Structure formats: C-alpha cells, structure tokens
C-alpha cells in the first residue's frame, strides 16, 4: 500500500506514516519485542490490507494493544503522568 492510503485509513498524515516506517517516530516502545502486541499488530495489518472498511474492528485491536502496553507499564513517563487517572480505567472506547 502507498503511505497516503495507510495514512487515510488511520487518520494521520502521510508524513507521519513515513516517519513511522523509517523509525524516526514512535520508537519509544519497542513493540516488536512484545509478542502479544506484535500478534495484534499483525492482525491490524491484515485488516488494513484485506478489509480496510472494518474500522471498528481495527480500533478494537488498537485498544487491546494499548491495554497490554499500559498493563506492562511500557508507556513513556510523559504519557504515564498525563494519563495517570485513566491508566487503570481507560474510557477511550466509550468516548468514540
């Protein structure tokens, strides 16, 4: 897929996708070293490639990955401090 297509699906800029793919952005948490998150990431990739219209399913997987990251205490210090009240009781899905 082209970067712009991925960006459109995820609601981010093409520039952000480019930076993620070049490991310039989003390298704080080594997601490839967390098997549970890597499995979910692979499922997300499959959805993006085969069923891109299934946005809700994609977001459910995103939330699962986020929960694992939070439960393992892998958030950066800034995110931990900014989200302190929500870390244990995330309501992100309820807001959408």
Protein backbone atom coordinates (compact mmCIF):
# COMPACT_ATOMS: atom_id res chain seq x y z
CA UNK A 1 0.00 0.00 0.00
CA UNK A 2 1.07 3.55 -0.54
CA UNK A 3 1.81 5.67 2.50
CA UNK A 4 -1.07 8.01 1.69
CA UNK A 5 -3.53 5.10 1.61
CA UNK A 6 -2.38 3.93 5.04
CA UNK A 7 -2.49 7.49 6.36
CA UNK A 8 -6.05 7.94 5.11
CA UNK A 9 -7.15 4.71 6.80
CA UNK A 10 -5.55 5.61 10.11
CA UNK A 11 -6.49 9.27 10.07
CA UNK A 12 -2.93 10.57 10.17
CA UNK A 13 -0.71 12.38 7.71
CA UNK A 14 1.39 10.71 5.04
CA UNK A 15 4.41 12.31 6.70
CA UNK A 16 3.61 10.52 9.97
CA UNK A 17 3.45 7.16 8.18
CA UNK A 18 6.77 7.87 6.51
CA UNK A 19 8.38 8.69 9.85
CA UNK A 20 6.95 5.56 11.49
CA UNK A 21 8.21 3.35 8.66
CA UNK A 22 11.70 4.89 8.92
CA UNK A 23 11.74 4.50 12.73
CA UNK A 24 12.06 8.26 13.16
CA UNK A 25 8.79 8.44 15.09
CA UNK A 26 7.12 6.06 17.52
CA UNK A 27 10.27 4.32 18.72
CA UNK A 28 9.77 4.90 22.45
CA UNK A 29 8.20 1.49 22.99
CA UNK A 30 9.85 -1.47 21.23
CA UNK A 31 6.56 -3.08 20.16
CA UNK A 32 8.34 -5.70 18.08
CA UNK A 33 9.76 -7.09 21.35
CA UNK A 34 6.32 -7.65 22.89
CA UNK A 35 4.86 -10.84 21.37
CA UNK A 36 1.26 -10.09 22.41
CA UNK A 37 1.38 -6.66 20.79
CA UNK A 38 3.14 -7.99 17.70
CA UNK A 39 0.34 -10.53 17.22
CA UNK A 40 -2.26 -7.77 17.44
CA UNK A 41 -0.23 -5.56 15.08
CA UNK A 42 -0.18 -8.39 12.54
CA UNK A 43 -3.96 -8.71 12.83
CA UNK A 44 -4.29 -4.96 12.28
CA UNK A 45 -2.10 -5.16 9.18
CA UNK A 46 -4.26 -7.97 7.82
CA UNK A 47 -7.39 -5.88 8.31
CA UNK A 48 -5.79 -2.84 6.65
CA UNK A 49 -4.76 -4.94 3.66
CA UNK A 50 -7.84 -7.08 3.22
CA UNK A 51 -10.79 -5.35 4.88
CA UNK A 52 -9.94 -1.65 5.26
CA UNK A 53 -13.58 -0.70 5.76
CA UNK A 54 -13.65 -2.55 9.10
CA UNK A 55 -12.58 0.49 11.11
CA UNK A 56 -14.36 -0.66 14.30
CA UNK A 57 -12.51 -3.98 14.31
CA UNK A 58 -9.23 -2.13 13.78
CA UNK A 59 -9.95 0.16 16.74
CA UNK A 60 -10.83 -2.80 18.99
CA UNK A 61 -7.43 -4.30 18.23
CA UNK A 62 -5.76 -0.95 18.82
CA UNK A 63 -7.40 -0.79 22.26
CA UNK A 64 -6.23 -4.33 23.04
CA UNK A 65 -2.65 -3.36 22.19
CA UNK A 66 -2.94 -0.18 24.26
CA UNK A 67 -4.23 -2.16 27.25
CA UNK A 68 -1.28 -4.55 27.07
CA UNK A 69 1.17 -1.63 26.85
CA UNK A 70 -0.43 0.08 29.85
CA UNK A 71 -0.65 -3.11 31.92
CA UNK A 72 3.03 -3.85 31.31
CA UNK A 73 3.94 -0.27 32.32
CA UNK A 74 5.54 0.46 28.95
CA UNK A 75 4.13 3.95 28.45
CA UNK A 76 6.69 6.74 28.38
CA UNK A 77 6.99 8.85 31.55
CA UNK A 78 5.17 11.79 29.96
CA UNK A 79 2.19 9.66 28.93
CA UNK A 80 2.10 7.95 32.31
CA UNK A 81 1.97 11.32 34.05
CA UNK A 82 -0.59 12.86 31.67
CA UNK A 83 -2.87 9.83 31.74
CA UNK A 84 -2.46 8.89 35.40
CA UNK A 85 -6.19 8.93 36.21
CA UNK A 86 -7.03 6.90 33.09
CA UNK A 87 -4.28 4.26 33.13
CA UNK A 88 -6.29 1.82 35.23
CA UNK A 89 -9.70 2.78 33.90
CA UNK A 90 -9.38 3.74 30.24
CA UNK A 91 -12.57 5.02 28.68
CA UNK A 92 -11.18 5.77 25.23
CA UNK A 93 -13.53 3.31 23.51
CA UNK A 94 -16.51 4.75 25.32
CA UNK A 95 -15.68 8.23 24.01
CA UNK A 96 -15.74 7.15 20.37
